[in-house]
Amino acid sequence: MPTQRLSAETTPPAPPNAMIIFGAAGDLTKRKLIPALFHLCHGNLLPDTFAVVGLDRLEMDDTAFQAMMAEEVKRNVGSAWDADTWARLCERLHYMQGNITDQATYIELCERLSGIDADRGTDGNYLFYLAVPPSLFGDITRLLGAVGLTAECENDWRRVIIEKPFGIDLDSAKVLNRMLHETLDEDQIYRIDHYLGKETVQNIMVFRFSNGFIEPLWNRQHIDHVQITVAESVGVEHRGPYYDTAGALRDMIPNHLLVLLGFLGMEPPNSFDSQAVRDEINKVLDAVHPLTPEQVLTNAVRGQYGEGVMPNGEKVPAYRSSPGVDPNSRTETFAALKLTMDNWRWAGVPFYLRTGKRLTAQYTEVVIQFKRAPKIMFKDADTAQMNPDMLVLRIQPNEGIQMSFGAKIPGPRMRVGTVNMDFCYADYFGNAPATGYETLIYDCMNGDATLFKHADTVEKGWEIVESVQDVWSALPARDFPNYAAGTWGPPAAGDLLKNDGRLWRRITTPE
């Protein structure tokens, strides 16, 4: 797993292929996918034998599609814009109008791709990106299969990337997986989670397994507890209708936070082979104790934001005032869980997870808090400022790693304080522009599924949160809203740790 961002100096270009984007006129394509391809092109990581076919209902030709994407890429890559790079990518962009539920569209797509193979030398290798609502995943893969576009030959490959959510509960996730498997083999399915494109997430394995001073401490003998925070300062924005049927628990925990938990808790795999890594992640999720209904009442916290003032002084309305949201909604915009594992490495070590909307800052981090050292030799010293040693893996913003540990405060008296050592990726490796999708798209083109979810992983994630969903559905919250926008969530989230004699790490962000 590379510790530097993808670059042509260390990484060869992807093999010949055509990338077909379903939902090409949508927000994801404009803000993330085409900008990610721009960055890959800038790093010479796309082959000359590469093409994009955008497919959507809007009436456009290639020229209009290219012009629309040019404006969006300029807006989204900012200072990284380079006219020469765009010219190289732009000539490879094609557009096709069609109805993605009509088989005639797929027959036409076959013909279009045959022409592109001949003109661009893409060798019949196709990457289908489903940037569409999950309700369409089954129809699209079925129709692709019906016209032979998912069938692989000896010398070509066909892969499908699907976006989350992967179902809305365990039963729907199983149904979705069955639908996909009717047409595709599991090794053709790439379930994407853009959090896994973050450098710090990828570096968890490198940091743990390549440093001799870390892995011996990565266990219940030395670690007191782990905190995982995925905080969002934004509200639901244009996603109100979807979010009000999902909520923070379904939207974030099975997809993002439990995958982070898997990387943190896994045993060393035999190699970085994708199957070996995913097998170890699944073992972690197998070991997590699903909460009983009684434990949900004490080990799970939910909240919904009311109106408030953000740190920049902006006054924002309550969740219930958002477009597309029920004025009496009882959907949670904040969720926190205390989970434990039943295995040798982590028995007795709690993992605290929290995520929410309209929190103080846009911030994602993992905190490893070590057990306190015995203070007997410091009984006559001033240890008022002596805190537990802590390792912080900062995922966004300012990706990096921070270590906090005790040191003597200069002076004639024995006083112990906490000092920080802070490593920032941008300072050391440079701040290469990225959307979080570059590595994932490149890996899919190369057939590396390490950072993608297996069907088993998806279902195990839903199994863990199923009891929480059931209890929260049976006992609708009556105290919403219970935290103001611009804060760190409901007071009960703090109590989740205080009841165990612990505290959430105080997060401070730049002004």
Protein backbone atom coordinates (compact mmCIF):
# COMPACT_ATOMS: atom_id res chain seq x y z
CA MET A 1 0.00 0.00 0.00
CA PRO A 2 1.75 3.21 -1.12
CA THR A 3 2.18 6.01 1.40
CA GLN A 4 2.41 8.66 -1.33
CA ARG A 5 -0.41 9.75 -3.55
CA LEU A 6 -0.60 8.14 -6.95
CA SER A 7 1.95 9.57 -9.34
CA ALA A 8 3.51 8.51 -12.61
CA GLU A 9 6.94 8.41 -10.90
CA THR A 10 5.98 5.37 -8.81
CA THR A 11 2.88 3.94 -10.48
CA PRO A 12 2.28 2.70 -14.03
CA PRO A 13 -0.76 3.77 -16.04
CA ALA A 14 -3.94 1.72 -15.79
CA PRO A 15 -4.57 -0.86 -18.55
CA PRO A 16 -6.67 0.02 -21.62
CA ASN A 17 -10.35 0.42 -20.75
CA ALA A 18 -13.56 2.33 -21.31
CA MET A 19 -15.39 3.78 -18.29
CA ILE A 20 -19.16 3.98 -18.71
CA ILE A 21 -20.86 6.33 -16.23
CA PHE A 22 -24.58 5.82 -15.64
CA GLY A 23 -25.94 9.13 -14.32
CA ALA A 24 -23.38 11.18 -16.23
CA ALA A 25 -25.28 14.46 -15.81
CA GLY A 26 -25.57 14.04 -12.06
CA ASP A 27 -23.84 15.80 -9.19
CA LEU A 28 -21.45 12.95 -8.35
CA THR A 29 -20.11 12.82 -11.89
CA LYS A 30 -19.57 16.57 -12.04
CA ARG A 31 -18.05 17.08 -8.58
CA LYS A 32 -16.07 13.88 -8.09
CA LEU A 33 -15.75 11.41 -10.95
CA ILE A 34 -14.61 13.62 -13.86
CA PRO A 35 -12.36 15.72 -11.55
CA ALA A 36 -10.83 12.45 -10.28
CA LEU A 37 -10.17 11.36 -13.86
CA PHE A 38 -8.64 14.80 -14.48
CA HIS A 39 -6.19 14.25 -11.61
CA LEU A 40 -5.36 10.75 -12.85
CA CYS A 41 -4.78 12.13 -16.33
CA HIS A 42 -2.54 14.87 -14.94
CA GLY A 43 -0.45 12.20 -13.23
CA ASN A 44 -0.23 10.20 -16.48
CA LEU A 45 -2.07 7.34 -14.80
CA LEU A 46 -4.68 6.94 -17.50
CA PRO A 47 -3.57 5.04 -20.60
CA ASP A 48 -3.68 6.62 -24.04
CA THR A 49 -6.12 3.80 -24.82
CA PHE A 50 -8.85 5.11 -22.51
CA ALA A 51 -12.32 6.54 -23.06
CA VAL A 52 -15.36 7.67 -21.06
CA VAL A 53 -18.96 7.16 -22.14
CA GLY A 54 -21.43 9.22 -20.14
CA LEU A 55 -25.00 7.94 -20.22
CA ASP A 56 -28.05 9.88 -19.06
CA ARG A 57 -31.52 11.08 -20.10
CA LEU A 58 -30.49 14.64 -21.03
CA GLU A 59 -30.32 15.41 -24.72
CA MET A 60 -26.69 16.24 -25.49
CA ASP A 61 -23.97 15.36 -27.95
CA ASP A 62 -20.29 14.77 -27.19
CA THR A 63 -19.41 18.46 -27.64
CA ALA A 64 -22.10 19.68 -25.23
CA PHE A 65 -21.11 17.05 -22.64
CA GLN A 66 -17.46 18.04 -22.91
CA ALA A 67 -18.32 21.73 -22.48
CA MET A 68 -20.48 21.03 -19.42
CA MET A 69 -17.76 18.94 -17.81
CA ALA A 70 -15.10 21.56 -18.58
CA GLU A 71 -16.96 24.14 -16.49
CA GLU A 72 -17.53 21.68 -13.65
CA VAL A 73 -13.93 20.48 -13.57
CA LYS A 74 -12.62 24.05 -13.53
CA ARG A 75 -14.87 24.80 -10.59
CA ASN A 76 -14.01 21.67 -8.63
CA VAL A 77 -10.25 21.33 -9.13
CA GLY A 78 -9.53 25.00 -8.49
CA SER A 79 -5.85 25.90 -8.75
CA ALA A 80 -5.02 22.41 -10.08
CA TRP A 81 -6.68 23.29 -13.40
CA ASP A 82 -4.39 22.68 -16.34
CA ALA A 83 -5.57 23.33 -19.90
CA ASP A 84 -3.24 20.75 -21.47
CA THR A 85 -4.42 18.02 -19.11
CA TRP A 86 -8.03 18.89 -19.80
CA ALA A 87 -7.44 18.79 -23.55
CA ARG A 88 -6.04 15.26 -23.26
CA LEU A 89 -9.00 14.09 -21.15
CA CYS A 90 -11.68 16.04 -23.00
CA GLU A 91 -11.07 14.32 -26.34
CA ARG A 92 -11.80 10.98 -24.63
CA LEU A 93 -15.21 12.03 -23.29
CA HIS A 94 -18.26 10.73 -25.13
CA TYR A 95 -21.95 11.03 -24.37
CA MET A 96 -24.97 8.88 -25.09
CA GLN A 97 -28.58 9.78 -24.38
CA GLY A 98 -30.69 6.88 -23.23
CA ASN A 99 -33.24 5.41 -20.85
CA ILE A 100 -31.34 3.21 -18.41
CA THR A 101 -34.38 1.00 -17.85
CA ASP A 102 -34.88 0.28 -21.58
CA GLN A 103 -33.03 -2.64 -23.18
CA ALA A 104 -32.78 -0.73 -26.46
CA THR A 105 -30.36 1.67 -24.74
CA TYR A 106 -28.05 -1.22 -23.89
CA ILE A 107 -28.12 -2.57 -27.43
CA GLU A 108 -27.08 0.87 -28.64
CA LEU A 109 -24.40 1.00 -25.91
CA CYS A 110 -22.94 -2.28 -27.22
CA GLU A 111 -22.58 -0.73 -30.66
CA ARG A 112 -21.08 2.46 -29.26
CA LEU A 113 -18.51 0.53 -27.22
CA SER A 114 -17.54 -1.63 -30.21
CA GLY A 115 -16.77 1.55 -32.11
CA ILE A 116 -14.76 2.97 -29.21
CA ASP A 117 -12.79 -0.27 -28.92
CA ALA A 118 -11.85 0.07 -32.58
CA ASP A 119 -11.08 3.81 -32.44
CA ARG A 120 -9.45 4.02 -28.99
CA GLY A 121 -7.95 0.56 -28.53
CA THR A 122 -9.77 -0.06 -25.23
CA ASP A 123 -9.54 -3.85 -25.78
CA GLY A 124 -13.08 -4.62 -24.64
CA ASN A 125 -12.27 -3.80 -21.00
CA TYR A 126 -15.28 -2.01 -19.50
CA LEU A 127 -15.72 -0.31 -16.13
CA PHE A 128 -19.37 0.51 -15.43
CA TYR A 129 -19.89 3.17 -12.76
CA LEU A 130 -23.44 3.28 -11.39
CA ALA A 131 -23.75 6.88 -10.17
CA VAL A 132 -27.51 6.43 -9.82
CA PRO A 133 -30.00 5.71 -7.01
CA PRO A 134 -29.63 2.20 -5.49
CA SER A 135 -33.12 1.29 -6.69
CA LEU A 136 -31.65 1.10 -10.22
CA PHE A 137 -28.66 -1.14 -9.47
CA GLY A 138 -30.57 -4.37 -10.11
CA ASP A 139 -32.18 -3.19 -13.37
CA ILE A 140 -28.91 -1.88 -14.79
CA THR A 141 -26.86 -4.99 -14.05
CA ARG A 142 -29.65 -7.25 -15.35
CA LEU A 143 -29.87 -5.32 -18.62
CA LEU A 144 -26.08 -5.21 -18.99
CA GLY A 145 -26.10 -8.98 -18.63
CA ALA A 146 -28.97 -9.40 -21.08
CA VAL A 147 -26.93 -7.86 -23.91
CA GLY A 148 -23.70 -9.61 -22.94
CA LEU A 149 -21.85 -6.59 -21.51
CA THR A 150 -21.01 -8.32 -18.20
CA ALA A 151 -19.61 -11.48 -19.81
CA GLU A 152 -15.83 -11.67 -19.58
CA CYS A 153 -13.66 -13.37 -22.17
CA GLU A 154 -10.14 -14.67 -21.68
CA ASN A 155 -8.51 -11.40 -22.70
CA ASP A 156 -10.91 -8.74 -21.38
CA TRP A 157 -12.64 -7.78 -18.14
CA ARG A 158 -15.94 -6.24 -17.10
CA ARG A 159 -16.33 -4.54 -13.67
CA VAL A 160 -19.12 -2.62 -11.99
CA ILE A 161 -18.70 0.07 -9.32
CA ILE A 162 -21.76 0.75 -7.18
CA GLU A 163 -22.20 3.61 -4.75
CA LYS A 164 -23.69 3.37 -1.28
CA PRO A 165 -26.12 2.88 0.32
CA PHE A 166 -25.89 -0.90 -0.02
CA GLY A 167 -29.45 -1.49 1.16
CA ILE A 168 -31.33 0.13 4.03
CA ASP A 169 -31.16 -2.84 6.39
CA LEU A 170 -29.89 -6.43 6.49
CA ASP A 171 -32.75 -7.91 4.47
CA SER A 172 -32.53 -5.32 1.68
CA ALA A 173 -28.72 -5.70 1.55
CA LYS A 174 -29.13 -9.44 1.03
CA VAL A 175 -31.70 -8.86 -1.71
CA LEU A 176 -29.39 -6.37 -3.45
CA ASN A 177 -26.46 -8.78 -3.31
CA ARG A 178 -28.61 -11.56 -4.75
CA MET A 179 -29.70 -9.32 -7.63
CA LEU A 180 -26.11 -8.36 -8.43
CA HIS A 181 -24.96 -11.97 -8.28
CA GLU A 182 -27.57 -13.03 -10.83
CA THR A 183 -25.48 -11.30 -13.49
CA LEU A 184 -22.06 -10.69 -11.96
CA ASP A 185 -19.45 -12.73 -10.14
CA GLU A 186 -18.41 -11.27 -6.79
CA ASP A 187 -14.96 -10.38 -8.14
CA GLN A 188 -16.64 -8.16 -10.77
CA ILE A 189 -18.48 -6.07 -8.14
CA TYR A 190 -16.72 -3.07 -6.57
CA ARG A 191 -18.75 -1.50 -3.74
CA ILE A 192 -17.17 1.90 -3.30
CA ASP A 193 -16.69 3.90 -0.12
CA HIS A 194 -14.91 7.18 -0.81
CA TYR A 195 -13.61 7.30 2.77
CA LEU A 196 -11.28 4.46 1.84
CA GLY A 197 -9.68 6.74 -0.75
CA LYS A 198 -8.31 8.96 2.01
CA GLU A 199 -4.56 8.65 2.49
CA THR A 200 -4.75 8.21 6.25
CA VAL A 201 -7.27 5.38 5.98
CA GLN A 202 -5.05 3.56 3.51
CA ASN A 203 -2.04 4.26 5.69
CA ILE A 204 -3.56 2.56 8.77
CA MET A 205 -2.20 -0.80 7.64
CA VAL A 206 1.19 0.65 6.70
CA PHE A 207 1.47 2.51 10.02
CA ARG A 208 0.49 -0.55 12.04
CA PHE A 209 2.36 -3.28 10.25
CA SER A 210 5.54 -1.58 9.03
CA ASN A 211 6.57 0.05 12.32
CA GLY A 212 8.06 -2.23 14.94
CA PHE A 213 7.17 0.07 17.84
CA ILE A 214 3.41 0.18 17.08
CA GLU A 215 2.07 -3.32 16.48
CA PRO A 216 3.31 -4.77 19.84
CA LEU A 217 1.22 -2.10 21.60
CA TRP A 218 -1.89 -2.54 19.41
CA ASN A 219 -3.91 -4.71 21.81
CA ARG A 220 -5.94 -4.85 25.02
CA GLN A 221 -2.84 -4.92 27.23
CA HIS A 222 -1.88 -1.39 26.22
CA ILE A 223 -4.93 0.32 24.69
CA ASP A 224 -7.65 1.68 26.96
CA HIS A 225 -10.22 2.52 24.29
CA VAL A 226 -10.69 3.74 20.71
CA GLN A 227 -12.75 6.67 19.42
CA ILE A 228 -13.93 7.10 15.83
CA THR A 229 -15.45 10.47 14.93
CA VAL A 230 -16.94 11.39 11.55
CA ALA A 231 -18.35 14.89 12.01
CA GLU A 232 -20.07 16.96 9.36
CA SER A 233 -20.68 20.70 9.68
CA VAL A 234 -23.17 20.74 6.79
CA GLY A 235 -26.86 19.96 7.07
CA VAL A 236 -28.75 17.63 4.77
CA GLU A 237 -28.65 20.17 1.92
CA HIS A 238 -30.46 18.74 -1.16
CA ARG A 239 -30.65 15.20 0.29
CA GLY A 240 -33.62 15.86 2.57
CA PRO A 241 -36.06 13.34 1.02
CA TYR A 242 -33.46 10.54 1.10
CA TYR A 243 -31.95 11.43 4.45
CA ASP A 244 -35.29 11.60 6.23
CA THR A 245 -35.84 7.92 5.39
CA ALA A 246 -32.29 6.91 6.32
CA GLY A 247 -30.84 8.93 9.20
CA ALA A 248 -27.31 9.07 10.58
CA LEU A 249 -27.16 5.46 11.71
CA ARG A 250 -27.99 3.92 8.33
CA ASP A 251 -26.26 6.57 6.26
CA MET A 252 -22.86 6.46 7.95
CA ILE A 253 -22.17 3.67 10.42
CA PRO A 254 -22.51 0.46 8.35
CA ASN A 255 -20.74 2.10 5.41
CA HIS A 256 -17.98 4.36 6.72
CA LEU A 257 -17.37 3.87 10.42
CA LEU A 258 -17.48 0.07 10.59
CA VAL A 259 -14.99 -0.19 7.72
CA LEU A 260 -12.63 2.06 9.69
CA LEU A 261 -13.21 -0.20 12.67
CA GLY A 262 -12.25 -3.19 10.51
CA PHE A 263 -8.91 -1.67 9.47
CA LEU A 264 -8.13 -0.67 13.05
CA GLY A 265 -9.00 -4.02 14.58
CA MET A 266 -7.77 -6.49 11.96
CA GLU A 267 -5.02 -9.04 12.47
CA PRO A 268 -1.99 -8.83 10.15
CA PRO A 269 -3.01 -10.35 6.79
CA ASN A 270 -0.63 -12.74 5.05
CA SER A 271 -0.25 -10.16 2.29
CA PHE A 272 -1.86 -6.98 0.94
CA ASP A 273 -3.81 -9.14 -1.47
CA SER A 274 -7.39 -7.88 -1.54
CA GLN A 275 -8.95 -11.17 -0.45
CA ALA A 276 -6.52 -11.57 2.47
CA VAL A 277 -7.25 -8.03 3.71
CA ARG A 278 -11.02 -8.35 3.36
CA ASP A 279 -10.99 -11.72 5.15
CA GLU A 280 -9.31 -10.10 8.18
CA ILE A 281 -11.78 -7.20 8.16
CA ASN A 282 -14.67 -9.66 8.14
CA LYS A 283 -13.16 -11.46 11.15
CA VAL A 284 -13.21 -8.16 13.05
CA LEU A 285 -16.86 -7.52 12.22
CA ASP A 286 -17.68 -11.12 13.18
CA ALA A 287 -16.16 -10.47 16.60
CA VAL A 288 -18.20 -7.31 17.28
CA HIS A 289 -20.98 -7.91 19.83
CA PRO A 290 -24.31 -6.78 18.35
CA LEU A 291 -26.09 -4.78 21.04
CA THR A 292 -29.02 -6.44 22.78
CA PRO A 293 -32.23 -4.38 22.98
CA GLU A 294 -31.38 -3.59 26.62
CA GLN A 295 -27.85 -2.49 25.68
CA VAL A 296 -29.19 -0.21 22.95
CA LEU A 297 -30.82 1.88 25.69
CA THR A 298 -27.44 2.48 27.39
CA ASN A 299 -24.81 2.02 24.66
CA ALA A 300 -26.45 3.90 21.77
CA VAL A 301 -27.27 7.60 21.54
CA ARG A 302 -29.22 9.47 18.89
CA GLY A 303 -29.88 13.13 18.31
CA GLN A 304 -31.43 15.63 15.93
CA TYR A 305 -30.14 19.16 15.49
CA GLY A 306 -32.21 22.23 16.11
CA GLU A 307 -31.50 25.75 14.95
CA GLY A 308 -28.18 27.17 16.03
CA VAL A 309 -25.14 29.26 15.20
CA MET A 310 -22.11 27.78 13.47
CA PRO A 311 -18.59 28.80 14.57
CA ASN A 312 -18.35 31.24 11.65
CA GLY A 313 -21.41 33.09 12.97
CA GLU A 314 -23.85 31.69 10.42
CA LYS A 315 -27.34 31.13 11.82
CA VAL A 316 -28.78 27.88 10.49
CA PRO A 317 -32.29 26.43 10.74
CA ALA A 318 -33.29 23.19 12.44
CA TYR A 319 -33.23 19.88 10.58
CA ARG A 320 -37.04 19.83 10.49
CA SER A 321 -36.98 23.06 8.46
CA SER A 322 -34.84 21.51 5.68
CA PRO A 323 -36.43 21.02 2.23
CA GLY A 324 -37.99 17.61 1.84
CA VAL A 325 -37.98 16.85 5.58
CA ASP A 326 -41.11 16.08 7.59
CA PRO A 327 -41.78 19.05 9.94
CA ASN A 328 -42.35 16.51 12.73
CA SER A 329 -39.51 14.22 11.70
CA ARG A 330 -38.06 11.85 14.27
CA THR A 331 -35.12 10.91 12.06
CA GLU A 332 -31.77 11.11 13.84
CA THR A 333 -29.03 13.36 12.46
CA PHE A 334 -26.55 12.15 15.09
CA ALA A 335 -25.67 8.64 16.22
CA ALA A 336 -23.13 7.31 18.71
CA LEU A 337 -22.43 3.70 19.71
CA LYS A 338 -20.26 1.86 22.20
CA LEU A 339 -19.15 -1.46 20.73
CA THR A 340 -16.95 -4.26 22.06
CA MET A 341 -15.31 -7.29 20.47
CA ASP A 342 -15.03 -10.88 21.56
CA ASN A 343 -11.52 -11.81 20.44
CA TRP A 344 -8.07 -12.17 21.99
CA ARG A 345 -6.68 -8.82 20.82
CA TRP A 346 -9.58 -6.54 21.80
CA ALA A 347 -11.52 -8.23 24.61
CA GLY A 348 -12.60 -5.55 27.08
CA VAL A 349 -11.57 -2.58 24.91
CA PRO A 350 -14.55 -0.35 24.03
CA PHE A 351 -14.81 1.28 20.61
CA TYR A 352 -16.82 4.52 20.68
CA LEU A 353 -18.27 5.65 17.33
CA ARG A 354 -20.02 8.95 16.63
CA THR A 355 -21.22 10.75 13.55
CA GLY A 356 -23.58 13.64 12.92
CA LYS A 357 -24.74 16.58 10.84
CA ARG A 358 -24.37 20.28 11.70
CA LEU A 359 -21.62 19.61 14.22
CA THR A 360 -18.99 22.18 15.13
CA ALA A 361 -16.61 21.25 12.34
CA GLN A 362 -16.09 19.02 9.32
CA TYR A 363 -13.73 16.56 10.92
CA THR A 364 -12.86 12.86 10.79
CA GLU A 365 -10.40 11.21 13.14
CA VAL A 366 -9.50 8.01 14.96
CA VAL A 367 -8.21 8.25 18.54
CA ILE A 368 -6.21 5.44 20.14
CA GLN A 369 -5.98 6.17 23.87
CA PHE A 370 -3.42 4.09 25.71
CA LYS A 371 -3.70 2.94 29.29
CA ARG A 372 -2.25 5.24 31.93
CA ALA A 373 1.24 4.48 33.18
CA PRO A 374 1.54 3.75 36.94
CA LYS A 375 2.14 7.01 38.79
CA ILE A 376 3.84 5.54 41.84
CA MET A 377 7.27 6.93 40.96
CA PHE A 378 5.68 10.34 40.31
CA LYS A 379 3.79 10.48 43.63
CA ASP A 380 5.76 13.54 44.74
CA ALA A 381 5.71 15.22 41.32
CA ASP A 382 3.21 17.63 39.85
CA THR A 383 1.27 15.50 37.34
CA ALA A 384 -1.76 17.77 36.97
CA GLN A 385 -1.02 18.17 33.26
CA MET A 386 -0.16 14.51 32.70
CA ASN A 387 -2.74 12.96 30.37
CA PRO A 388 -2.94 9.43 28.94
CA ASP A 389 -0.77 8.83 25.88
CA MET A 390 -2.80 9.20 22.73
CA LEU A 391 -2.42 8.48 19.03
CA VAL A 392 -4.67 10.46 16.66
CA LEU A 393 -5.11 9.43 13.04
CA ARG A 394 -6.48 12.55 11.37
CA ILE A 395 -8.40 11.64 8.21
CA GLN A 396 -9.84 15.05 7.29
CA PRO A 397 -9.02 17.85 7.09
CA ASN A 398 -5.20 18.13 7.16
CA GLU A 399 -4.60 14.39 6.90
CA GLY A 400 -1.93 13.29 9.33
CA ILE A 401 -0.93 11.53 12.54
CA GLN A 402 -0.51 13.08 15.99
CA MET A 403 1.11 11.48 19.03
CA SER A 404 0.63 12.86 22.54
CA PHE A 405 2.82 11.70 25.40
CA GLY A 406 4.25 12.81 28.72
CA ALA A 407 7.46 14.85 29.07
CA LYS A 408 9.17 16.81 31.83
CA ILE A 409 8.35 20.51 31.88
CA PRO A 410 11.64 22.45 32.01
CA GLY A 411 12.48 23.83 35.44
CA PRO A 412 13.95 22.82 38.81
CA ARG A 413 10.83 20.94 39.93
CA MET A 414 9.64 17.57 38.63
CA ARG A 415 6.59 18.52 36.62
CA VAL A 416 5.12 16.34 33.92
CA GLY A 417 3.09 17.67 31.01
CA THR A 418 1.70 16.46 27.71
CA VAL A 419 3.48 17.24 24.45
CA ASN A 420 2.38 16.60 20.86
CA MET A 421 4.26 15.40 17.82
CA ASP A 422 2.29 16.13 14.66
CA PHE A 423 2.87 14.70 11.18
CA CYS A 424 0.91 16.26 8.32
CA TYR A 425 0.84 14.62 4.89
CA ALA A 426 0.83 17.94 3.07
CA ASP A 427 4.00 19.10 4.84
CA TYR A 428 5.92 15.92 4.15
CA PHE A 429 4.65 14.60 0.82
CA GLY A 430 3.05 17.70 -0.65
CA ASN A 431 -0.62 18.48 -0.93
CA ALA A 432 -1.56 16.86 -4.23
CA PRO A 433 -5.12 17.75 -5.28
CA ALA A 434 -7.53 14.85 -4.82
CA THR A 435 -11.23 14.11 -4.56
CA GLY A 436 -10.85 10.81 -2.68
CA TYR A 437 -11.92 8.82 -5.75
CA GLU A 438 -8.63 8.73 -7.66
CA THR A 439 -7.10 5.74 -5.90
CA LEU A 440 -10.38 3.84 -5.90
CA ILE A 441 -11.02 4.29 -9.62
CA TYR A 442 -7.42 3.46 -10.46
CA ASP A 443 -7.52 0.33 -8.27
CA CYS A 444 -10.72 -0.85 -9.94
CA MET A 445 -9.15 -0.41 -13.37
CA ASN A 446 -6.31 -2.64 -12.16
CA GLY A 447 -8.56 -5.22 -10.52
CA ASP A 448 -7.39 -4.46 -6.97
CA ALA A 449 -10.41 -4.80 -4.65
CA THR A 450 -8.57 -4.20 -1.35
CA LEU A 451 -10.35 -0.91 -0.64
CA PHE A 452 -13.77 -2.10 -1.79
CA LYS A 453 -16.43 -3.96 0.17
CA HIS A 454 -17.22 -7.63 -0.24
CA ALA A 455 -20.83 -8.79 -0.03
CA ASP A 456 -20.09 -10.45 3.33
CA THR A 457 -18.68 -7.18 4.74
CA VAL A 458 -21.82 -5.28 3.76
CA GLU A 459 -24.12 -7.81 5.40
CA LYS A 460 -22.01 -8.07 8.56
CA GLY A 461 -22.17 -4.27 8.94
CA TRP A 462 -25.96 -4.33 8.78
CA GLU A 463 -26.08 -7.20 11.29
CA ILE A 464 -24.22 -5.03 13.82
CA VAL A 465 -26.64 -2.10 13.60
CA GLU A 466 -29.82 -4.12 13.10
CA SER A 467 -30.73 -4.27 16.80
CA VAL A 468 -30.18 -0.51 17.13
CA GLN A 469 -32.46 0.14 14.16
CA ASP A 470 -35.14 -2.13 15.62
CA VAL A 471 -35.16 -0.46 19.04
CA TRP A 472 -35.07 3.07 17.65
CA SER A 473 -37.94 2.25 15.30
CA ALA A 474 -40.01 0.75 18.13
CA LEU A 475 -39.28 3.64 20.51
CA PRO A 476 -39.39 6.86 18.46
CA ALA A 477 -37.48 9.72 20.04
CA ARG A 478 -39.72 12.28 21.70
CA ASP A 479 -37.08 14.81 22.75
CA PHE A 480 -35.98 15.92 19.26
CA PRO A 481 -34.36 18.31 18.55
CA ASN A 482 -31.90 17.65 21.38
CA TYR A 483 -28.75 19.48 20.25
CA ALA A 484 -28.16 22.85 18.69
CA ALA A 485 -26.50 23.19 15.30
CA GLY A 486 -22.87 24.18 15.75
CA THR A 487 -22.25 21.97 18.80
CA TRP A 488 -20.73 18.49 19.17
CA GLY A 489 -24.05 16.71 19.55
CA PRO A 490 -26.49 15.84 22.36
CA PRO A 491 -25.25 15.77 25.98
CA ALA A 492 -26.03 12.04 26.15
CA ALA A 493 -23.16 11.41 23.71
CA GLY A 494 -20.75 12.77 26.31
CA ASP A 495 -22.40 10.64 28.98
CA LEU A 496 -21.71 7.55 26.87
CA LEU A 497 -18.04 7.97 27.79
CA LYS A 498 -18.43 9.74 31.14
CA ASN A 499 -20.33 6.76 32.50
CA ASP A 500 -17.15 4.74 31.86
CA GLY A 501 -14.86 7.39 33.37
CA ARG A 502 -13.71 8.62 29.93
CA LEU A 503 -14.11 11.70 27.71
CA TRP A 504 -14.30 12.37 24.01
CA ARG A 505 -11.07 13.92 22.79
CA ARG A 506 -11.49 17.68 22.58
CA ILE A 507 -11.24 18.55 18.90
CA THR A 508 -9.77 21.92 18.04
CA THR A 509 -9.75 23.08 14.46
CA PRO A 510 -8.07 26.04 12.73
CA GLU A 511 -10.14 29.21 12.52
